[in-house]
Amino acid sequence: MPKRHHPYAAGGNAGWSIGSNGLTAAGQSELLKDLGRQLQHNYQGILKEPAPDRIRQLLERLERAHRRERGEDH
């Protein structure tokens, strides 16, 4: 039996496609919007959960650094 190439093998996702190449720009836009809506629906519960402490601390550090760059740090 011949070996089958797995699409997720190291570097093997170069040929991966959702089949949108034949769509118009408007069709591609609608496809991406629909994908976004589906992802939001599927992960809605996770998005409502609080961020883990480590992520929250990193976000706070980024915000402070951003304020310092803009001269808004008091």
PDB file of N, CA and C in Angstrom:
ATOM      1  N   MET A   1       0.846  -1.176   0.000  1.00  0.00           N
ATOM      2  CA  MET A   1       0.000   0.000   0.000  1.00  0.00           C
ATOM      3  C   MET A   1       0.894   1.241   0.000  1.00  0.00           C
ATOM      4  N   PRO A   2       0.628   2.230  -0.859  1.00  0.00           N
ATOM      5  CA  PRO A   2       1.475   3.428  -0.927  1.00  0.00           C
ATOM      6  C   PRO A   2       1.304   4.292   0.317  1.00  0.00           C
ATOM      7  N   LYS A   3       2.402   4.992   0.655  1.00  0.00           N
ATOM      8  CA  LYS A   3       2.355   5.913   1.796  1.00  0.00           C
ATOM      9  C   LYS A   3       1.525   7.132   1.417  1.00  0.00           C
ATOM     10  N   ARG A   4       0.733   7.584   2.369  1.00  0.00           N
ATOM     11  CA  ARG A   4      -0.062   8.791   2.139  1.00  0.00           C
ATOM     12  C   ARG A   4       0.614   9.949   2.855  1.00  0.00           C
ATOM     13  N   HIS A   5       0.660  11.075   2.201  1.00  0.00           N
ATOM     14  CA  HIS A   5       1.242  12.270   2.807  1.00  0.00           C
ATOM     15  C   HIS A   5       0.222  12.897   3.744  1.00  0.00           C
ATOM     16  N   HIS A   6       0.626  13.106   4.963  1.00  0.00           N
ATOM     17  CA  HIS A   6      -0.262  13.755   5.930  1.00  0.00           C
ATOM     18  C   HIS A   6      -0.104  15.263   5.765  1.00  0.00           C
ATOM     19  N   PRO A   7      -1.199  16.019   5.597  1.00  0.00           N
ATOM     20  CA  PRO A   7      -1.093  17.459   5.332  1.00  0.00           C
ATOM     21  C   PRO A   7      -0.474  18.251   6.470  1.00  0.00           C
ATOM     22  N   TYR A   8      -0.450  17.714   7.690  1.00  0.00           N
ATOM     23  CA  TYR A   8       0.112  18.457   8.811  1.00  0.00           C
ATOM     24  C   TYR A   8       1.523  18.016   9.144  1.00  0.00           C
ATOM     25  N   ALA A   9       2.116  17.192   8.317  1.00  0.00           N
ATOM     26  CA  ALA A   9       3.503  16.789   8.535  1.00  0.00           C
ATOM     27  C   ALA A   9       4.383  18.023   8.409  1.00  0.00           C
ATOM     28  N   ALA A  10       5.570  17.954   8.954  1.00  0.00           N
ATOM     29  CA  ALA A  10       6.479  19.108   8.997  1.00  0.00           C
ATOM     30  C   ALA A  10       6.509  19.859   7.672  1.00  0.00           C
ATOM     31  N   GLY A  11       6.007  21.069   7.699  1.00  0.00           N
ATOM     32  CA  GLY A  11       6.017  21.908   6.513  1.00  0.00           C
ATOM     33  C   GLY A  11       5.041  21.463   5.436  1.00  0.00           C
ATOM     34  N   GLY A  12       4.177  20.538   5.749  1.00  0.00           N
ATOM     35  CA  GLY A  12       3.301  19.984   4.736  1.00  0.00           C
ATOM     36  C   GLY A  12       2.001  20.728   4.533  1.00  0.00           C
ATOM     37  N   ASN A  13       1.825  21.865   5.169  1.00  0.00           N
ATOM     38  CA  ASN A  13       0.555  22.558   5.014  1.00  0.00           C
ATOM     39  C   ASN A  13       0.576  23.578   3.883  1.00  0.00           C
ATOM     40  N   ALA A  14       1.607  23.585   3.075  1.00  0.00           N
ATOM     41  CA  ALA A  14       1.706  24.557   1.984  1.00  0.00           C
ATOM     42  C   ALA A  14       0.587  24.375   0.969  1.00  0.00           C
ATOM     43  N   GLY A  15       0.094  23.166   0.795  1.00  0.00           N
ATOM     44  CA  GLY A  15      -0.959  22.927  -0.165  1.00  0.00           C
ATOM     45  C   GLY A  15      -2.345  22.943   0.438  1.00  0.00           C
ATOM     46  N   TRP A  16      -2.464  23.297   1.685  1.00  0.00           N
ATOM     47  CA  TRP A  16      -3.745  23.285   2.384  1.00  0.00           C
ATOM     48  C   TRP A  16      -4.608  24.431   1.889  1.00  0.00           C
ATOM     49  N   SER A  17      -5.879  24.164   1.672  1.00  0.00           N
ATOM     50  CA  SER A  17      -6.780  25.185   1.177  1.00  0.00           C
ATOM     51  C   SER A  17      -8.193  24.880   1.624  1.00  0.00           C
ATOM     52  N   ILE A  18      -8.996  25.919   1.789  1.00  0.00           N
ATOM     53  CA  ILE A  18     -10.403  25.720   2.106  1.00  0.00           C
ATOM     54  C   ILE A  18     -11.240  25.800   0.839  1.00  0.00           C
ATOM     55  N   GLY A  19     -10.575  25.836  -0.299  1.00  0.00           N
ATOM     56  CA  GLY A  19     -11.287  25.842  -1.568  1.00  0.00           C
ATOM     57  C   GLY A  19     -11.865  27.186  -1.939  1.00  0.00           C
ATOM     58  N   SER A  20     -11.264  28.261  -1.484  1.00  0.00           N
ATOM     59  CA  SER A  20     -11.804  29.592  -1.762  1.00  0.00           C
ATOM     60  C   SER A  20     -11.137  30.265  -2.949  1.00  0.00           C
ATOM     61  N   ASN A  21     -10.212  29.599  -3.600  1.00  0.00           N
ATOM     62  CA  ASN A  21      -9.475  30.229  -4.699  1.00  0.00           C
ATOM     63  C   ASN A  21     -10.372  30.636  -5.862  1.00  0.00           C
ATOM     64  N   GLY A  22     -11.470  29.914  -6.093  1.00  0.00           N
ATOM     65  CA  GLY A  22     -12.348  30.227  -7.201  1.00  0.00           C
ATOM     66  C   GLY A  22     -13.394  31.280  -6.861  1.00  0.00           C
ATOM     67  N   LEU A  23     -13.400  31.778  -5.630  1.00  0.00           N
ATOM     68  CA  LEU A  23     -14.400  32.763  -5.217  1.00  0.00           C
ATOM     69  C   LEU A  23     -13.992  34.173  -5.623  1.00  0.00           C
ATOM     70  N   THR A  24     -14.986  35.010  -5.798  1.00  0.00           N
ATOM     71  CA  THR A  24     -14.714  36.431  -6.033  1.00  0.00           C
ATOM     72  C   THR A  24     -14.246  37.046  -4.722  1.00  0.00           C
ATOM     73  N   ALA A  25     -13.773  38.274  -4.765  1.00  0.00           N
ATOM     74  CA  ALA A  25     -13.343  38.966  -3.551  1.00  0.00           C
ATOM     75  C   ALA A  25     -14.508  39.066  -2.563  1.00  0.00           C
ATOM     76  N   ALA A  26     -15.702  39.350  -3.079  1.00  0.00           N
ATOM     77  CA  ALA A  26     -16.873  39.445  -2.204  1.00  0.00           C
ATOM     78  C   ALA A  26     -17.200  38.076  -1.599  1.00  0.00           C
ATOM     79  N   GLY A  27     -17.054  37.026  -2.387  1.00  0.00           N
ATOM     80  CA  GLY A  27     -17.307  35.677  -1.888  1.00  0.00           C
ATOM     81  C   GLY A  27     -16.309  35.284  -0.812  1.00  0.00           C
ATOM     82  N   GLN A  28     -15.035  35.629  -1.025  1.00  0.00           N
ATOM     83  CA  GLN A  28     -14.014  35.349  -0.019  1.00  0.00           C
ATOM     84  C   GLN A  28     -14.292  36.119   1.267  1.00  0.00           C
ATOM     85  N   SER A  29     -14.721  37.363   1.120  1.00  0.00           N
ATOM     86  CA  SER A  29     -15.052  38.177   2.281  1.00  0.00           C
ATOM     87  C   SER A  29     -16.193  37.548   3.070  1.00  0.00           C
ATOM     88  N   GLU A  30     -17.228  37.104   2.380  1.00  0.00           N
ATOM     89  CA  GLU A  30     -18.368  36.460   3.044  1.00  0.00           C
ATOM     90  C   GLU A  30     -17.942  35.165   3.727  1.00  0.00           C
ATOM     91  N   LEU A  31     -17.070  34.416   3.072  1.00  0.00           N
ATOM     92  CA  LEU A  31     -16.573  33.175   3.647  1.00  0.00           C
ATOM     93  C   LEU A  31     -15.833  33.453   4.952  1.00  0.00           C
ATOM     94  N   LEU A  32     -14.979  34.466   4.947  1.00  0.00           N
ATOM     95  CA  LEU A  32     -14.227  34.811   6.154  1.00  0.00           C
ATOM     96  C   LEU A  32     -15.148  35.330   7.256  1.00  0.00           C
ATOM     97  N   LYS A  33     -16.154  36.115   6.898  1.00  0.00           N
ATOM     98  CA  LYS A  33     -17.119  36.593   7.891  1.00  0.00           C
ATOM     99  C   LYS A  33     -17.867  35.429   8.518  1.00  0.00           C
ATOM    100  N   ASP A  34     -18.290  34.470   7.679  1.00  0.00           N
ATOM    101  CA  ASP A  34     -19.006  33.304   8.179  1.00  0.00           C
ATOM    102  C   ASP A  34     -18.106  32.473   9.094  1.00  0.00           C
ATOM    103  N   LEU A  35     -16.861  32.299   8.703  1.00  0.00           N
ATOM    104  CA  LEU A  35     -15.908  31.569   9.536  1.00  0.00           C
ATOM    105  C   LEU A  35     -15.743  32.267  10.888  1.00  0.00           C
ATOM    106  N   GLY A  36     -15.629  33.581  10.872  1.00  0.00           N
ATOM    107  CA  GLY A  36     -15.517  34.350  12.113  1.00  0.00           C
ATOM    108  C   GLY A  36     -16.732  34.176  12.998  1.00  0.00           C
ATOM    109  N   ARG A  37     -17.917  34.226  12.399  1.00  0.00           N
ATOM    110  CA  ARG A  37     -19.149  34.026  13.181  1.00  0.00           C
ATOM    111  C   ARG A  37     -19.196  32.638  13.800  1.00  0.00           C
ATOM    112  N   GLN A  38     -18.805  31.629  13.035  1.00  0.00           N
ATOM    113  CA  GLN A  38     -18.799  30.267  13.557  1.00  0.00           C
ATOM    114  C   GLN A  38     -17.804  30.113  14.700  1.00  0.00           C
ATOM    115  N   LEU A  39     -16.617  30.693  14.552  1.00  0.00           N
ATOM    116  CA  LEU A  39     -15.618  30.616  15.620  1.00  0.00           C
ATOM    117  C   LEU A  39     -16.110  31.325  16.878  1.00  0.00           C
ATOM    118  N   GLN A  40     -16.710  32.507  16.719  1.00  0.00           N
ATOM    119  CA  GLN A  40     -17.251  33.218  17.874  1.00  0.00           C
ATOM    120  C   GLN A  40     -18.326  32.402  18.572  1.00  0.00           C
ATOM    121  N   HIS A  41     -19.198  31.787  17.796  1.00  0.00           N
ATOM    122  CA  HIS A  41     -20.266  30.975  18.372  1.00  0.00           C
ATOM    123  C   HIS A  41     -19.685  29.778  19.133  1.00  0.00           C
ATOM    124  N   ASN A  42     -18.725  29.095  18.521  1.00  0.00           N
ATOM    125  CA  ASN A  42     -18.151  27.901  19.130  1.00  0.00           C
ATOM    126  C   ASN A  42     -17.328  28.200  20.378  1.00  0.00           C
ATOM    127  N   TYR A  43     -16.685  29.360  20.431  1.00  0.00           N
ATOM    128  CA  TYR A  43     -15.796  29.679  21.545  1.00  0.00           C
ATOM    129  C   TYR A  43     -16.358  30.761  22.454  1.00  0.00           C
ATOM    130  N   GLN A  44     -17.653  31.036  22.339  1.00  0.00           N
ATOM    131  CA  GLN A  44     -18.294  32.101  23.108  1.00  0.00           C
ATOM    132  C   GLN A  44     -18.068  31.933  24.613  1.00  0.00           C
ATOM    133  N   GLY A  45     -18.226  30.736  25.121  1.00  0.00           N
ATOM    134  CA  GLY A  45     -18.040  30.487  26.551  1.00  0.00           C
ATOM    135  C   GLY A  45     -16.623  30.759  27.006  1.00  0.00           C
ATOM    136  N   ILE A  46     -15.667  30.375  26.198  1.00  0.00           N
ATOM    137  CA  ILE A  46     -14.259  30.587  26.548  1.00  0.00           C
ATOM    138  C   ILE A  46     -13.935  32.071  26.550  1.00  0.00           C
ATOM    139  N   LEU A  47     -14.511  32.816  25.606  1.00  0.00           N
ATOM    140  CA  LEU A  47     -14.236  34.248  25.524  1.00  0.00           C
ATOM    141  C   LEU A  47     -14.751  34.999  26.745  1.00  0.00           C
ATOM    142  N   LYS A  48     -15.767  34.459  27.420  1.00  0.00           N
ATOM    143  CA  LYS A  48     -16.330  35.120  28.593  1.00  0.00           C
ATOM    144  C   LYS A  48     -15.550  34.816  29.871  1.00  0.00           C
ATOM    145  N   GLU A  49     -14.685  33.804  29.839  1.00  0.00           N
ATOM    146  CA  GLU A  49     -13.904  33.449  31.017  1.00  0.00           C
ATOM    147  C   GLU A  49     -12.824  34.497  31.257  1.00  0.00           C
ATOM    148  N   PRO A  50     -12.483  34.737  32.522  1.00  0.00           N
ATOM    149  CA  PRO A  50     -11.395  35.687  32.789  1.00  0.00           C
ATOM    150  C   PRO A  50     -10.064  35.136  32.292  1.00  0.00           C
ATOM    151  N   ALA A  51      -9.191  36.044  31.911  1.00  0.00           N
ATOM    152  CA  ALA A  51      -7.862  35.635  31.447  1.00  0.00           C
ATOM    153  C   ALA A  51      -7.072  35.070  32.629  1.00  0.00           C
ATOM    154  N   PRO A  52      -6.226  34.082  32.372  1.00  0.00           N
ATOM    155  CA  PRO A  52      -5.366  33.577  33.450  1.00  0.00           C
ATOM    156  C   PRO A  52      -4.491  34.699  33.997  1.00  0.00           C
ATOM    157  N   ASP A  53      -4.108  34.579  35.274  1.00  0.00           N
ATOM    158  CA  ASP A  53      -3.318  35.627  35.936  1.00  0.00           C
ATOM    159  C   ASP A  53      -2.076  36.016  35.135  1.00  0.00           C
ATOM    160  N   ARG A  54      -1.349  35.050  34.613  1.00  0.00           N
ATOM    161  CA  ARG A  54      -0.112  35.351  33.885  1.00  0.00           C
ATOM    162  C   ARG A  54      -0.405  36.189  32.637  1.00  0.00           C
ATOM    163  N   ILE A  55      -1.457  35.853  31.914  1.00  0.00           N
ATOM    164  CA  ILE A  55      -1.821  36.620  30.715  1.00  0.00           C
ATOM    165  C   ILE A  55      -2.275  38.020  31.113  1.00  0.00           C
ATOM    166  N   ARG A  56      -3.064  38.134  32.173  1.00  0.00           N
ATOM    167  CA  ARG A  56      -3.528  39.435  32.647  1.00  0.00           C
ATOM    168  C   ARG A  56      -2.345  40.317  33.039  1.00  0.00           C
ATOM    169  N   GLN A  57      -1.353  39.741  33.728  1.00  0.00           N
ATOM    170  CA  GLN A  57      -0.164  40.509  34.130  1.00  0.00           C
ATOM    171  C   GLN A  57       0.618  40.995  32.908  1.00  0.00           C
ATOM    172  N   LEU A  58       0.749  40.129  31.903  1.00  0.00           N
ATOM    173  CA  LEU A  58       1.459  40.538  30.687  1.00  0.00           C
ATOM    174  C   LEU A  58       0.722  41.666  29.965  1.00  0.00           C
ATOM    175  N   LEU A  59      -0.602  41.573  29.920  1.00  0.00           N
ATOM    176  CA  LEU A  59      -1.393  42.629  29.286  1.00  0.00           C
ATOM    177  C   LEU A  59      -1.254  43.953  30.032  1.00  0.00           C
ATOM    178  N   GLU A  60      -1.225  43.886  31.356  1.00  0.00           N
ATOM    179  CA  GLU A  60      -1.037  45.107  32.155  1.00  0.00           C
ATOM    180  C   GLU A  60       0.325  45.724  31.893  1.00  0.00           C
ATOM    181  N   ARG A  61       1.363  44.890  31.780  1.00  0.00           N
ATOM    182  CA  ARG A  61       2.709  45.404  31.485  1.00  0.00           C
ATOM    183  C   ARG A  61       2.743  46.071  30.111  1.00  0.00           C
ATOM    184  N   LEU A  62       2.098  45.450  29.143  1.00  0.00           N
ATOM    185  CA  LEU A  62       2.043  46.041  27.801  1.00  0.00           C
ATOM    186  C   LEU A  62       1.318  47.379  27.817  1.00  0.00           C
ATOM    187  N   GLU A  63       0.222  47.449  28.552  1.00  0.00           N
ATOM    188  CA  GLU A  63      -0.545  48.700  28.642  1.00  0.00           C
ATOM    189  C   GLU A  63       0.289  49.800  29.298  1.00  0.00           C
ATOM    190  N   ARG A  64       1.002  49.471  30.372  1.00  0.00           N
ATOM    191  CA  ARG A  64       1.862  50.475  31.035  1.00  0.00           C
ATOM    192  C   ARG A  64       2.953  50.965  30.086  1.00  0.00           C
ATOM    193  N   ALA A  65       3.578  50.033  29.369  1.00  0.00           N
ATOM    194  CA  ALA A  65       4.634  50.407  28.419  1.00  0.00           C
ATOM    195  C   ALA A  65       4.063  51.296  27.307  1.00  0.00           C
ATOM    196  N   HIS A  66       2.884  50.982  26.851  1.00  0.00           N
ATOM    197  CA  HIS A  66       2.238  51.775  25.803  1.00  0.00           C
ATOM    198  C   HIS A  66       1.937  53.186  26.300  1.00  0.00           C
ATOM    199  N   ARG A  67       1.449  53.297  27.541  1.00  0.00           N
ATOM    200  CA  ARG A  67       1.179  54.623  28.109  1.00  0.00           C
ATOM    201  C   ARG A  67       2.455  55.433  28.273  1.00  0.00           C
ATOM    202  N   ARG A  68       3.544  54.754  28.689  1.00  0.00           N
ATOM    203  CA  ARG A  68       4.824  55.455  28.845  1.00  0.00           C
ATOM    204  C   ARG A  68       5.299  55.994  27.492  1.00  0.00           C
ATOM    205  N   GLU A  69       5.159  55.205  26.445  1.00  0.00           N
ATOM    206  CA  GLU A  69       5.586  55.644  25.114  1.00  0.00           C
ATOM    207  C   GLU A  69       4.816  56.860  24.647  1.00  0.00           C
ATOM    208  N   ARG A  70       3.553  56.933  25.004  1.00  0.00           N
ATOM    209  CA  ARG A  70       2.711  58.061  24.613  1.00  0.00           C
ATOM    210  C   ARG A  70       2.804  59.211  25.609  1.00  0.00           C
ATOM    211  N   GLY A  71       3.563  59.047  26.676  1.00  0.00           N
ATOM    212  CA  GLY A  71       3.726  60.104  27.664  1.00  0.00           C
ATOM    213  C   GLY A  71       2.518  60.284  28.554  1.00  0.00           C
ATOM    214  N   GLU A  72       1.739  59.231  28.731  1.00  0.00           N
ATOM    215  CA  GLU A  72       0.521  59.316  29.534  1.00  0.00           C
ATOM    216  C   GLU A  72       0.683  58.698  30.915  1.00  0.00           C
ATOM    217  N   ASP A  73       1.866  58.243  31.255  1.00  0.00           N
ATOM    218  CA  ASP A  73       2.059  57.558  32.528  1.00  0.00           C
ATOM    219  C   ASP A  73       2.157  58.580  33.660  1.00  0.00           C
ATOM    220  N   HIS A  74       1.247  58.488  34.602  1.00  0.00           N
ATOM    221  CA  HIS A  74       1.225  59.433  35.730  1.00  0.00           C
ATOM    222  C   HIS A  74       1.582  58.710  36.999  1.00  0.00           C
TER     223      HIS A  74
END
